[in-house]
Amino acid sequence: MATAWGPPAYRVEGVTKVYPRGKVLANDDVTFSIPQGEIFGLLGPNGAGKSTLVRQLAGLVAPTSGCIELMGHRVSGNAEIIPYLVAYMTQRPMALGDLTIEEALAVTGHLRGMSRRDARAAGRALIDEFNLGGIARRVIGKLSGGEQRLTAFCMVLTGGRPILILDEPTNDLDPGHRKQLWDRLVSLNNEQGTTIILVTHNVMEAEKVLRRVGIINCGRILAMGTASELKAQVDTRMRLEITFRQGVDEETQRRLVDASGLPAPVATGRGRYAVWVDAGLADQEIGRVISRIGFGAVEDLRVQAPTLEDVYIRL
C-alpha cells in the first residue's frame, strides 16, 4: 500500500441518520476517518446500519445531521464530484439489468469518461479476467445471483476510480471467484493505492485483506482498529475447538464435552464445540480432552488465537 498524502479519503463527523417513516435510527453520532490507500471494513449484524452508512458515503442518502467529507470536500452540496472519485457496488440488484454483460461494462466505462472504443476494450479484458466469456452476451437480469455479483464487481472496477465501496461483494460467489475478488482488491490497493471500503459478513476471508475494521451495531461504532488491536481488546486467550466424528449423536457429544471438564464450552456448529482458555493452559486442556474424551469420537482438535470473527461475535 502506497503512503497516502493529503486529506483522508473520507472524514465522517457526528453523522446521524433517522428515517422518518417508522422513526428508525439507522446511524447514531458516527465519527471516524479513512485514510487514502486503506482497505477498511465495516462489520456488524443485519440491520446494524452498515448499508445506510456506506450509502451516505456514496452520496445516495443525506445524513439527518453531521458531516461527511470526501477528499476534503463536503459530500452535501458537492454531489457532482462523487462519480469521479467513487465507484459503489450495492447489495441490491444493480442498474443496467436489461443489458448484456458486454453492453453494461461498455456503458459503464463510457459514462466514466472512457472513449467507446476504450470502454469496450476494458470490458473485454474484465470478461476474460473473470472467465465470463461464456455468458458475456446474456442479459444480466437473467443471470444467477453469483453471476450478477461478479458482473457488478467488474462494473465497479471499470474506469479505475480511486475509491471503491463494496457492500457484501462476495455474496453468492463460489469459493474460486471469492478468492479471485479478494486477490484483485489487494492487487489494486498494493499497485495503485486504491482506497477500498468493504461491508461484509464473510469475516474470516475479509480478515486476510482488511487493514482496519469498524464494528457497528444499532447504528453506533462499537470498536475500531486493526484486527490485532480489536482481538487484544476482546480477549488474549486461545480458542480450543473440538469437532466430533460423523455418527456421534448430539447427546453423546454433550455428555463427552461435559465429562471433559472444559470451561464453558460453546456449540459453534454441527458437531463442533469451542472454549477459550489461557494461553499458558492450552497444552493442559488439550491433554484433558485426550484423556477424558479420547480420539475415537473426535475428528479434529485444534488451538488458535482469537480471530476477527470471535471479536465480531463477542462485541
C-alpha atoms as a PDB file:
ATOM      1  CA  MET A   1       0.000   0.000   0.000  1.00  0.00           C
ATOM      2  CA  ALA A   2       1.402   3.373  -1.003  1.00  0.00           C
ATOM      3  CA  THR A   3       1.793   6.055   1.647  1.00  0.00           C
ATOM      4  CA  ALA A   4      -1.143   8.470   1.464  1.00  0.00           C
ATOM      5  CA  TRP A   5      -0.703  12.237   1.394  1.00  0.00           C
ATOM      6  CA  GLY A   6      -3.303  14.955   1.628  1.00  0.00           C
ATOM      7  CA  PRO A   7      -6.733  14.787   3.251  1.00  0.00           C
ATOM      8  CA  PRO A   8      -8.304  11.481   4.265  1.00  0.00           C
ATOM      9  CA  ALA A   9     -10.374   9.694   1.658  1.00  0.00           C
ATOM     10  CA  TYR A  10     -13.342  10.113   3.999  1.00  0.00           C
ATOM     11  CA  ARG A  11     -13.925  12.025   7.194  1.00  0.00           C
ATOM     12  CA  VAL A  12     -17.194  11.290   8.984  1.00  0.00           C
ATOM     13  CA  GLU A  13     -18.117  13.603  11.853  1.00  0.00           C
ATOM     14  CA  GLY A  14     -21.156  13.123  14.109  1.00  0.00           C
ATOM     15  CA  VAL A  15     -23.285  11.512  11.402  1.00  0.00           C
ATOM     16  CA  THR A  16     -26.801  10.569  12.434  1.00  0.00           C
ATOM     17  CA  LYS A  17     -29.446   9.200  10.080  1.00  0.00           C
ATOM     18  CA  VAL A  18     -33.087   8.906  11.081  1.00  0.00           C
ATOM     19  CA  TYR A  19     -35.649   7.553   8.639  1.00  0.00           C
ATOM     20  CA  PRO A  20     -38.871   9.490   9.317  1.00  0.00           C
ATOM     21  CA  ARG A  21     -41.096   6.579   8.336  1.00  0.00           C
ATOM     22  CA  GLY A  22     -41.072   4.357  11.391  1.00  0.00           C
ATOM     23  CA  LYS A  23     -38.671   6.774  13.128  1.00  0.00           C
ATOM     24  CA  VAL A  24     -35.788   4.349  12.580  1.00  0.00           C
ATOM     25  CA  LEU A  25     -32.417   5.478  13.942  1.00  0.00           C
ATOM     26  CA  ALA A  26     -30.092   3.900  11.368  1.00  0.00           C
ATOM     27  CA  ASN A  27     -26.868   5.705  12.343  1.00  0.00           C
ATOM     28  CA  ASP A  28     -26.225   7.393  15.677  1.00  0.00           C
ATOM     29  CA  ASP A  29     -23.474  10.024  16.044  1.00  0.00           C
ATOM     30  CA  VAL A  30     -20.911   8.137  13.944  1.00  0.00           C
ATOM     31  CA  THR A  31     -17.402   9.606  13.758  1.00  0.00           C
ATOM     32  CA  PHE A  32     -14.332   8.134  12.040  1.00  0.00           C
ATOM     33  CA  SER A  33     -11.959   8.719   9.138  1.00  0.00           C
ATOM     34  CA  ILE A  34     -10.495   6.548   6.388  1.00  0.00           C
ATOM     35  CA  PRO A  35      -7.012   7.484   5.126  1.00  0.00           C
ATOM     36  CA  GLN A  36      -6.273   7.370   1.428  1.00  0.00           C
ATOM     37  CA  GLY A  37      -4.969   3.970   0.376  1.00  0.00           C
ATOM     38  CA  GLU A  38      -6.566   1.977   3.201  1.00  0.00           C
ATOM     39  CA  ILE A  39      -8.593  -1.237   2.974  1.00  0.00           C
ATOM     40  CA  PHE A  40     -11.300  -0.585   5.562  1.00  0.00           C
ATOM     41  CA  GLY A  41     -14.043  -2.958   6.651  1.00  0.00           C
ATOM     42  CA  LEU A  42     -17.424  -2.372   8.279  1.00  0.00           C
ATOM     43  CA  LEU A  43     -18.659  -5.428  10.148  1.00  0.00           C
ATOM     44  CA  GLY A  44     -21.905  -5.931  12.010  1.00  0.00           C
ATOM     45  CA  PRO A  45     -25.144  -7.930  12.104  1.00  0.00           C
ATOM     46  CA  ASN A  46     -28.089  -7.415   9.765  1.00  0.00           C
ATOM     47  CA  GLY A  47     -29.815  -4.123  10.482  1.00  0.00           C
ATOM     48  CA  ALA A  48     -26.759  -2.657  12.223  1.00  0.00           C
ATOM     49  CA  GLY A  49     -26.645   0.401   9.941  1.00  0.00           C
ATOM     50  CA  LYS A  50     -23.760  -0.618   7.671  1.00  0.00           C
ATOM     51  CA  SER A  51     -25.518  -0.210   4.326  1.00  0.00           C
ATOM     52  CA  THR A  52     -27.118   3.075   5.363  1.00  0.00           C
ATOM     53  CA  LEU A  53     -23.695   4.411   6.314  1.00  0.00           C
ATOM     54  CA  VAL A  54     -21.992   3.486   3.038  1.00  0.00           C
ATOM     55  CA  ARG A  55     -24.947   4.827   1.039  1.00  0.00           C
ATOM     56  CA  GLN A  56     -24.264   8.155   2.738  1.00  0.00           C
ATOM     57  CA  LEU A  57     -20.568   7.862   1.855  1.00  0.00           C
ATOM     58  CA  ALA A  58     -21.625   7.328  -1.765  1.00  0.00           C
ATOM     59  CA  GLY A  59     -23.882  10.396  -1.657  1.00  0.00           C
ATOM     60  CA  LEU A  60     -27.087   8.428  -2.242  1.00  0.00           C
ATOM     61  CA  VAL A  61     -28.579   9.244   1.163  1.00  0.00           C
ATOM     62  CA  ALA A  62     -28.186  12.513   3.061  1.00  0.00           C
ATOM     63  CA  PRO A  63     -27.404  12.456   6.797  1.00  0.00           C
ATOM     64  CA  THR A  64     -30.029  13.845   9.141  1.00  0.00           C
ATOM     65  CA  SER A  65     -27.175  15.610  10.925  1.00  0.00           C
ATOM     66  CA  GLY A  66     -23.399  15.591  10.888  1.00  0.00           C
ATOM     67  CA  CYS A  67     -20.853  15.986   8.119  1.00  0.00           C
ATOM     68  CA  ILE A  68     -19.175  13.702   5.575  1.00  0.00           C
ATOM     69  CA  GLU A  69     -16.101  14.897   3.683  1.00  0.00           C
ATOM     70  CA  LEU A  70     -14.744  13.147   0.588  1.00  0.00           C
ATOM     71  CA  MET A  71     -11.105  14.041  -0.162  1.00  0.00           C
ATOM     72  CA  GLY A  72     -11.557  17.296   1.738  1.00  0.00           C
ATOM     73  CA  HIS A  73     -14.897  18.240   0.100  1.00  0.00           C
ATOM     74  CA  ARG A  74     -18.247  18.109   1.865  1.00  0.00           C
ATOM     75  CA  VAL A  75     -20.404  15.462   0.217  1.00  0.00           C
ATOM     76  CA  SER A  76     -23.529  17.502   0.891  1.00  0.00           C
ATOM     77  CA  GLY A  77     -23.752  20.119  -1.841  1.00  0.00           C
ATOM     78  CA  ASN A  78     -20.934  18.627  -3.929  1.00  0.00           C
ATOM     79  CA  ALA A  79     -22.596  15.548  -5.363  1.00  0.00           C
ATOM     80  CA  GLU A  80     -21.075  16.186  -8.793  1.00  0.00           C
ATOM     81  CA  ILE A  81     -17.568  15.194  -7.613  1.00  0.00           C
ATOM     82  CA  ILE A  82     -18.577  11.774  -6.268  1.00  0.00           C
ATOM     83  CA  PRO A  83     -18.775   9.849  -9.594  1.00  0.00           C
ATOM     84  CA  TYR A  84     -15.242  10.986 -10.464  1.00  0.00           C
ATOM     85  CA  LEU A  85     -13.807   9.622  -7.226  1.00  0.00           C
ATOM     86  CA  VAL A  86     -16.033   6.743  -6.110  1.00  0.00           C
ATOM     87  CA  ALA A  87     -17.367   3.512  -7.605  1.00  0.00           C
ATOM     88  CA  TYR A  88     -20.062   1.856  -5.492  1.00  0.00           C
ATOM     89  CA  MET A  89     -21.199  -1.781  -5.597  1.00  0.00           C
ATOM     90  CA  THR A  90     -24.599  -2.050  -3.943  1.00  0.00           C
ATOM     91  CA  GLN A  91     -26.012  -5.016  -2.060  1.00  0.00           C
ATOM     92  CA  ARG A  92     -29.252  -4.868  -4.047  1.00  0.00           C
ATOM     93  CA  PRO A  93     -29.753  -5.771  -7.736  1.00  0.00           C
ATOM     94  CA  MET A  94     -27.742  -3.496  -9.990  1.00  0.00           C
ATOM     95  CA  ALA A  95     -28.781  -0.984 -12.598  1.00  0.00           C
ATOM     96  CA  LEU A  96     -28.459  -1.874 -16.295  1.00  0.00           C
ATOM     97  CA  GLY A  97     -30.072  -5.251 -15.640  1.00  0.00           C
ATOM     98  CA  ASP A  98     -31.705  -5.207 -19.086  1.00  0.00           C
ATOM     99  CA  LEU A  99     -28.310  -5.100 -20.819  1.00  0.00           C
ATOM    100  CA  THR A 100     -25.866  -7.899 -21.529  1.00  0.00           C
ATOM    101  CA  ILE A 101     -22.607  -8.081 -19.582  1.00  0.00           C
ATOM    102  CA  GLU A 102     -20.695  -6.757 -22.609  1.00  0.00           C
ATOM    103  CA  GLU A 103     -23.094  -3.852 -23.027  1.00  0.00           C
ATOM    104  CA  ALA A 104     -23.195  -2.960 -19.322  1.00  0.00           C
ATOM    105  CA  LEU A 105     -19.413  -2.837 -18.991  1.00  0.00           C
ATOM    106  CA  ALA A 106     -19.075  -0.732 -22.142  1.00  0.00           C
ATOM    107  CA  VAL A 107     -21.788   1.702 -20.994  1.00  0.00           C
ATOM    108  CA  THR A 108     -20.244   1.969 -17.513  1.00  0.00           C
ATOM    109  CA  GLY A 109     -16.815   2.727 -18.939  1.00  0.00           C
ATOM    110  CA  HIS A 110     -18.203   5.357 -21.308  1.00  0.00           C
ATOM    111  CA  LEU A 111     -20.200   7.021 -18.516  1.00  0.00           C
ATOM    112  CA  ARG A 112     -16.968   7.223 -16.523  1.00  0.00           C
ATOM    113  CA  GLY A 113     -15.200   9.171 -19.225  1.00  0.00           C
ATOM    114  CA  MET A 114     -13.655   6.489 -21.423  1.00  0.00           C
ATOM    115  CA  SER A 115     -13.990   6.567 -25.197  1.00  0.00           C
ATOM    116  CA  ARG A 116     -16.420   3.973 -26.553  1.00  0.00           C
ATOM    117  CA  ARG A 117     -13.525   2.035 -28.028  1.00  0.00           C
ATOM    118  CA  ASP A 118     -11.531   2.023 -24.790  1.00  0.00           C
ATOM    119  CA  ALA A 119     -14.637   1.148 -22.765  1.00  0.00           C
ATOM    120  CA  ARG A 120     -15.332  -1.886 -24.949  1.00  0.00           C
ATOM    121  CA  ALA A 121     -11.696  -2.982 -24.694  1.00  0.00           C
ATOM    122  CA  ALA A 122     -11.679  -2.592 -20.905  1.00  0.00           C
ATOM    123  CA  GLY A 123     -14.913  -4.564 -20.694  1.00  0.00           C
ATOM    124  CA  ARG A 124     -13.496  -7.404 -22.773  1.00  0.00           C
ATOM    125  CA  ALA A 125     -10.387  -7.517 -20.565  1.00  0.00           C
ATOM    126  CA  LEU A 126     -12.531  -7.889 -17.435  1.00  0.00           C
ATOM    127  CA  ILE A 127     -14.693 -10.534 -19.099  1.00  0.00           C
ATOM    128  CA  ASP A 128     -11.547 -12.514 -19.890  1.00  0.00           C
ATOM    129  CA  GLU A 129     -10.043 -11.992 -16.434  1.00  0.00           C
ATOM    130  CA  PHE A 130     -13.121 -13.313 -14.632  1.00  0.00           C
ATOM    131  CA  ASN A 131     -13.953 -16.046 -17.175  1.00  0.00           C
ATOM    132  CA  LEU A 132     -17.289 -14.513 -18.166  1.00  0.00           C
ATOM    133  CA  GLY A 133     -16.892 -15.109 -21.902  1.00  0.00           C
ATOM    134  CA  GLY A 134     -19.490 -17.861 -21.993  1.00  0.00           C
ATOM    135  CA  ILE A 135     -22.215 -15.579 -20.630  1.00  0.00           C
ATOM    136  CA  ALA A 136     -20.981 -12.169 -21.840  1.00  0.00           C
ATOM    137  CA  ARG A 137     -23.904 -11.753 -24.265  1.00  0.00           C
ATOM    138  CA  ARG A 138     -26.592 -12.833 -21.837  1.00  0.00           C
ATOM    139  CA  VAL A 139     -28.917 -10.282 -20.218  1.00  0.00           C
ATOM    140  CA  ILE A 140     -27.761  -9.522 -16.676  1.00  0.00           C
ATOM    141  CA  GLY A 141     -31.242  -9.767 -15.185  1.00  0.00           C
ATOM    142  CA  LYS A 142     -31.455 -13.401 -16.286  1.00  0.00           C
ATOM    143  CA  LEU A 143     -28.143 -14.468 -14.733  1.00  0.00           C
ATOM    144  CA  SER A 144     -27.704 -16.370 -11.477  1.00  0.00           C
ATOM    145  CA  GLY A 145     -27.085 -14.433  -8.270  1.00  0.00           C
ATOM    146  CA  GLY A 146     -23.370 -15.216  -8.327  1.00  0.00           C
ATOM    147  CA  GLU A 147     -23.020 -14.210 -11.977  1.00  0.00           C
ATOM    148  CA  GLN A 148     -24.779 -10.919 -11.269  1.00  0.00           C
ATOM    149  CA  ARG A 149     -22.493 -10.205  -8.294  1.00  0.00           C
ATOM    150  CA  LEU A 150     -19.398 -10.914 -10.367  1.00  0.00           C
ATOM    151  CA  THR A 151     -20.689  -8.659 -13.143  1.00  0.00           C
ATOM    152  CA  ALA A 152     -21.363  -5.896 -10.616  1.00  0.00           C
ATOM    153  CA  PHE A 153     -17.799  -6.243  -9.341  1.00  0.00           C
ATOM    154  CA  CYS A 154     -16.445  -5.886 -12.881  1.00  0.00           C
ATOM    155  CA  MET A 155     -18.565  -2.749 -13.316  1.00  0.00           C
ATOM    156  CA  VAL A 156     -17.069  -1.267 -10.132  1.00  0.00           C
ATOM    157  CA  LEU A 157     -13.561  -1.901 -11.466  1.00  0.00           C
ATOM    158  CA  THR A 158     -14.357  -0.183 -14.771  1.00  0.00           C
ATOM    159  CA  GLY A 159     -12.905   3.309 -15.050  1.00  0.00           C
ATOM    160  CA  GLY A 160     -10.286   2.932 -12.320  1.00  0.00           C
ATOM    161  CA  ARG A 161     -11.857   5.086  -9.625  1.00  0.00           C
ATOM    162  CA  PRO A 162      -9.529   5.840  -6.664  1.00  0.00           C
ATOM    163  CA  ILE A 163     -12.141   4.826  -4.067  1.00  0.00           C
ATOM    164  CA  LEU A 164     -14.225   1.646  -4.181  1.00  0.00           C
ATOM    165  CA  ILE A 165     -17.179   0.978  -1.869  1.00  0.00           C
ATOM    166  CA  LEU A 166     -18.409  -2.619  -1.917  1.00  0.00           C
ATOM    167  CA  ASP A 167     -21.474  -3.804   0.016  1.00  0.00           C
ATOM    168  CA  GLU A 168     -21.331  -7.596   0.559  1.00  0.00           C
ATOM    169  CA  PRO A 169     -19.303  -8.190  -2.630  1.00  0.00           C
ATOM    170  CA  THR A 170     -18.825 -11.949  -2.127  1.00  0.00           C
ATOM    171  CA  ASN A 171     -22.498 -12.833  -1.625  1.00  0.00           C
ATOM    172  CA  ASP A 172     -23.477 -15.794  -3.859  1.00  0.00           C
ATOM    173  CA  LEU A 173     -19.940 -16.221  -5.232  1.00  0.00           C
ATOM    174  CA  ASP A 174     -18.313 -19.652  -5.383  1.00  0.00           C
ATOM    175  CA  PRO A 175     -15.015 -20.144  -3.483  1.00  0.00           C
ATOM    176  CA  GLY A 176     -12.871 -19.701  -6.592  1.00  0.00           C
ATOM    177  CA  HIS A 177     -14.411 -16.376  -7.552  1.00  0.00           C
ATOM    178  CA  ARG A 178     -14.355 -15.172  -3.921  1.00  0.00           C
ATOM    179  CA  LYS A 179     -10.600 -15.724  -3.813  1.00  0.00           C
ATOM    180  CA  GLN A 180     -10.209 -14.011  -7.187  1.00  0.00           C
ATOM    181  CA  LEU A 181     -12.169 -10.997  -5.932  1.00  0.00           C
ATOM    182  CA  TRP A 182     -10.095 -10.660  -2.744  1.00  0.00           C
ATOM    183  CA  ASP A 183      -6.844 -11.071  -4.694  1.00  0.00           C
ATOM    184  CA  ARG A 184      -7.899  -8.375  -7.170  1.00  0.00           C
ATOM    185  CA  LEU A 185      -8.721  -5.923  -4.389  1.00  0.00           C
ATOM    186  CA  VAL A 186      -5.382  -6.491  -2.666  1.00  0.00           C
ATOM    187  CA  SER A 187      -3.601  -6.033  -6.002  1.00  0.00           C
ATOM    188  CA  LEU A 188      -5.432  -2.756  -6.683  1.00  0.00           C
ATOM    189  CA  ASN A 189      -4.533  -1.488  -3.241  1.00  0.00           C
ATOM    190  CA  ASN A 190      -0.880  -2.504  -3.446  1.00  0.00           C
ATOM    191  CA  GLU A 191      -0.236  -1.345  -7.002  1.00  0.00           C
ATOM    192  CA  GLN A 192      -2.465   1.726  -7.342  1.00  0.00           C
ATOM    193  CA  GLY A 193      -3.140   2.770  -3.753  1.00  0.00           C
ATOM    194  CA  THR A 194      -6.889   2.352  -4.279  1.00  0.00           C
ATOM    195  CA  THR A 195      -8.933   3.071  -1.160  1.00  0.00           C
ATOM    196  CA  ILE A 196     -11.318   0.177  -0.554  1.00  0.00           C
ATOM    197  CA  ILE A 197     -14.298   0.224   1.814  1.00  0.00           C
ATOM    198  CA  LEU A 198     -15.946  -3.141   2.418  1.00  0.00           C
ATOM    199  CA  VAL A 199     -19.179  -4.178   4.075  1.00  0.00           C
ATOM    200  CA  THR A 200     -19.121  -7.924   4.598  1.00  0.00           C
ATOM    201  CA  HIS A 201     -20.361 -10.833   6.697  1.00  0.00           C
ATOM    202  CA  ASN A 202     -17.524 -13.021   5.416  1.00  0.00           C
ATOM    203  CA  VAL A 203     -15.358 -12.147   8.386  1.00  0.00           C
ATOM    204  CA  MET A 204     -12.788 -14.939   8.136  1.00  0.00           C
ATOM    205  CA  GLU A 205     -11.966 -14.175   4.492  1.00  0.00           C
ATOM    206  CA  ALA A 206     -12.051 -10.410   4.970  1.00  0.00           C
ATOM    207  CA  GLU A 207      -9.630 -10.587   7.905  1.00  0.00           C
ATOM    208  CA  LYS A 208      -6.874 -11.536   5.469  1.00  0.00           C
ATOM    209  CA  VAL A 209      -7.193  -8.290   3.487  1.00  0.00           C
ATOM    210  CA  LEU A 210      -8.538  -5.607   5.844  1.00  0.00           C
ATOM    211  CA  ARG A 211      -6.070  -3.071   7.236  1.00  0.00           C
ATOM    212  CA  ARG A 212      -8.565  -1.639   9.726  1.00  0.00           C
ATOM    213  CA  VAL A 213     -12.045  -2.570  10.890  1.00  0.00           C
ATOM    214  CA  GLY A 214     -15.049  -0.797  12.359  1.00  0.00           C
ATOM    215  CA  ILE A 215     -17.629  -2.914  14.173  1.00  0.00           C
ATOM    216  CA  ILE A 216     -21.086  -1.383  14.106  1.00  0.00           C
ATOM    217  CA  ASN A 217     -24.361  -2.314  15.804  1.00  0.00           C
ATOM    218  CA  CYS A 218     -27.577  -0.426  16.452  1.00  0.00           C
ATOM    219  CA  GLY A 219     -26.195   2.394  14.322  1.00  0.00           C
ATOM    220  CA  ARG A 220     -23.156   3.041  16.524  1.00  0.00           C
ATOM    221  CA  ILE A 221     -19.469   2.206  16.091  1.00  0.00           C
ATOM    222  CA  LEU A 222     -18.644  -0.175  18.957  1.00  0.00           C
ATOM    223  CA  ALA A 223     -14.943  -0.602  18.203  1.00  0.00           C
ATOM    224  CA  MET A 224     -12.404   0.378  15.574  1.00  0.00           C
ATOM    225  CA  GLY A 225      -8.813  -0.583  14.897  1.00  0.00           C
ATOM    226  CA  THR A 226      -6.605  -3.173  13.262  1.00  0.00           C
ATOM    227  CA  ALA A 227      -7.584  -6.815  13.635  1.00  0.00           C
ATOM    228  CA  SER A 228      -4.789  -7.294  16.194  1.00  0.00           C
ATOM    229  CA  GLU A 229      -5.924  -4.289  18.235  1.00  0.00           C
ATOM    230  CA  LEU A 230      -9.528  -5.469  18.303  1.00  0.00           C
ATOM    231  CA  LYS A 231      -8.562  -9.013  19.264  1.00  0.00           C
ATOM    232  CA  ALA A 232      -6.492  -7.677  22.163  1.00  0.00           C
ATOM    233  CA  GLN A 233      -9.447  -5.572  23.353  1.00  0.00           C
ATOM    234  CA  VAL A 234     -11.763  -8.564  23.466  1.00  0.00           C
ATOM    235  CA  ASP A 235      -9.577 -11.473  24.556  1.00  0.00           C
ATOM    236  CA  THR A 236      -5.986 -12.643  24.811  1.00  0.00           C
ATOM    237  CA  ARG A 237      -6.963 -16.269  25.381  1.00  0.00           C
ATOM    238  CA  MET A 238      -6.631 -19.143  22.943  1.00  0.00           C
ATOM    239  CA  ARG A 239      -9.569 -20.834  21.266  1.00  0.00           C
ATOM    240  CA  LEU A 240      -9.710 -24.636  21.624  1.00  0.00           C
ATOM    241  CA  GLU A 241     -12.080 -26.236  19.113  1.00  0.00           C
ATOM    242  CA  ILE A 242     -13.292 -29.848  19.104  1.00  0.00           C
ATOM    243  CA  THR A 243     -15.031 -31.417  16.109  1.00  0.00           C
ATOM    244  CA  PHE A 244     -16.726 -34.782  16.625  1.00  0.00           C
ATOM    245  CA  ARG A 245     -16.790 -37.532  14.039  1.00  0.00           C
ATOM    246  CA  GLN A 246     -19.940 -38.111  11.999  1.00  0.00           C
ATOM    247  CA  GLY A 247     -22.108 -40.728  13.659  1.00  0.00           C
ATOM    248  CA  VAL A 248     -21.533 -39.425  17.189  1.00  0.00           C
ATOM    249  CA  ASP A 249     -25.027 -38.285  18.208  1.00  0.00           C
ATOM    250  CA  GLU A 250     -25.651 -34.954  19.919  1.00  0.00           C
ATOM    251  CA  GLU A 251     -26.453 -36.487  23.301  1.00  0.00           C
ATOM    252  CA  THR A 252     -23.133 -38.349  23.314  1.00  0.00           C
ATOM    253  CA  GLN A 253     -21.313 -35.197  22.214  1.00  0.00           C
ATOM    254  CA  ARG A 254     -22.774 -33.189  25.094  1.00  0.00           C
ATOM    255  CA  ARG A 255     -22.008 -35.952  27.593  1.00  0.00           C
ATOM    256  CA  LEU A 256     -18.392 -36.188  26.458  1.00  0.00           C
ATOM    257  CA  VAL A 257     -17.917 -32.414  26.487  1.00  0.00           C
ATOM    258  CA  ASP A 258     -19.405 -32.178  29.984  1.00  0.00           C
ATOM    259  CA  ALA A 259     -17.162 -35.030  31.156  1.00  0.00           C
ATOM    260  CA  SER A 260     -14.075 -33.282  29.788  1.00  0.00           C
ATOM    261  CA  GLY A 261     -14.292 -30.577  32.428  1.00  0.00           C
ATOM    262  CA  LEU A 262     -13.633 -27.879  29.818  1.00  0.00           C
ATOM    263  CA  PRO A 263     -14.661 -24.375  30.954  1.00  0.00           C
ATOM    264  CA  ALA A 264     -17.914 -23.033  29.428  1.00  0.00           C
ATOM    265  CA  PRO A 265     -17.960 -24.911  26.091  1.00  0.00           C
ATOM    266  CA  VAL A 266     -19.973 -23.235  23.329  1.00  0.00           C
ATOM    267  CA  ALA A 267     -21.545 -25.081  20.387  1.00  0.00           C
ATOM    268  CA  THR A 268     -20.250 -23.340  17.252  1.00  0.00           C
ATOM    269  CA  GLY A 269     -21.706 -25.641  14.619  1.00  0.00           C
ATOM    270  CA  ARG A 270     -22.955 -29.130  13.965  1.00  0.00           C
ATOM    271  CA  GLY A 271     -20.714 -31.450  15.970  1.00  0.00           C
ATOM    272  CA  ARG A 272     -18.344 -28.615  16.879  1.00  0.00           C
ATOM    273  CA  TYR A 273     -17.610 -27.012  20.259  1.00  0.00           C
ATOM    274  CA  ALA A 274     -15.228 -24.250  21.313  1.00  0.00           C
ATOM    275  CA  VAL A 275     -13.813 -23.000  24.598  1.00  0.00           C
ATOM    276  CA  TRP A 276     -11.470 -20.121  25.402  1.00  0.00           C
ATOM    277  CA  VAL A 277      -8.512 -20.922  27.638  1.00  0.00           C
ATOM    278  CA  ASP A 278      -5.483 -19.025  28.925  1.00  0.00           C
ATOM    279  CA  ALA A 279      -2.580 -19.406  26.522  1.00  0.00           C
ATOM    280  CA  GLY A 280      -0.399 -20.968  29.227  1.00  0.00           C
ATOM    281  CA  LEU A 281      -3.028 -23.639  29.921  1.00  0.00           C
ATOM    282  CA  ALA A 282      -3.725 -24.675  26.327  1.00  0.00           C
ATOM    283  CA  ASP A 283      -1.467 -27.751  26.494  1.00  0.00           C
ATOM    284  CA  GLN A 284      -3.085 -28.818  29.752  1.00  0.00           C
ATOM    285  CA  GLU A 285      -6.585 -28.501  28.319  1.00  0.00           C
ATOM    286  CA  ILE A 286      -5.653 -30.495  25.220  1.00  0.00           C
ATOM    287  CA  GLY A 287      -4.316 -33.237  27.488  1.00  0.00           C
ATOM    288  CA  ARG A 288      -7.588 -33.208  29.396  1.00  0.00           C
ATOM    289  CA  VAL A 289      -9.597 -33.634  26.201  1.00  0.00           C
ATOM    290  CA  ILE A 290      -7.425 -36.518  25.023  1.00  0.00           C
ATOM    291  CA  SER A 291      -7.575 -38.316  28.374  1.00  0.00           C
ATOM    292  CA  ARG A 292     -11.309 -37.866  29.006  1.00  0.00           C
ATOM    293  CA  ILE A 293     -12.818 -37.909  25.519  1.00  0.00           C
ATOM    294  CA  GLY A 294     -10.182 -39.822  23.580  1.00  0.00           C
ATOM    295  CA  PHE A 295      -9.588 -39.769  19.844  1.00  0.00           C
ATOM    296  CA  GLY A 296     -12.246 -42.344  18.974  1.00  0.00           C
ATOM    297  CA  ALA A 297     -15.074 -39.794  18.897  1.00  0.00           C
ATOM    298  CA  VAL A 298     -13.026 -36.768  17.811  1.00  0.00           C
ATOM    299  CA  GLU A 299     -12.367 -35.935  14.166  1.00  0.00           C
ATOM    300  CA  ASP A 300     -10.392 -32.733  14.721  1.00  0.00           C
ATOM    301  CA  LEU A 301      -8.857 -30.866  17.645  1.00  0.00           C
ATOM    302  CA  ARG A 302      -7.172 -27.513  17.136  1.00  0.00           C
ATOM    303  CA  VAL A 303      -5.958 -24.476  19.045  1.00  0.00           C
ATOM    304  CA  GLN A 304      -5.807 -20.985  17.579  1.00  0.00           C
ATOM    305  CA  ALA A 305      -5.519 -17.374  18.608  1.00  0.00           C
ATOM    306  CA  PRO A 306      -8.746 -15.325  18.608  1.00  0.00           C
ATOM    307  CA  THR A 307      -9.982 -14.438  15.129  1.00  0.00           C
ATOM    308  CA  LEU A 308     -11.738 -11.327  13.910  1.00  0.00           C
ATOM    309  CA  GLU A 309     -14.883 -13.463  13.777  1.00  0.00           C
ATOM    310  CA  ASP A 310     -14.566 -14.019  17.541  1.00  0.00           C
ATOM    311  CA  VAL A 311     -14.353 -10.253  18.041  1.00  0.00           C
ATOM    312  CA  TYR A 312     -17.356  -9.702  15.765  1.00  0.00           C
ATOM    313  CA  ILE A 313     -19.460 -12.243  17.675  1.00  0.00           C
ATOM    314  CA  ARG A 314     -18.450 -11.230  21.184  1.00  0.00           C
ATOM    315  CA  LEU A 315     -18.849  -7.467  20.758  1.00  0.00           C
END
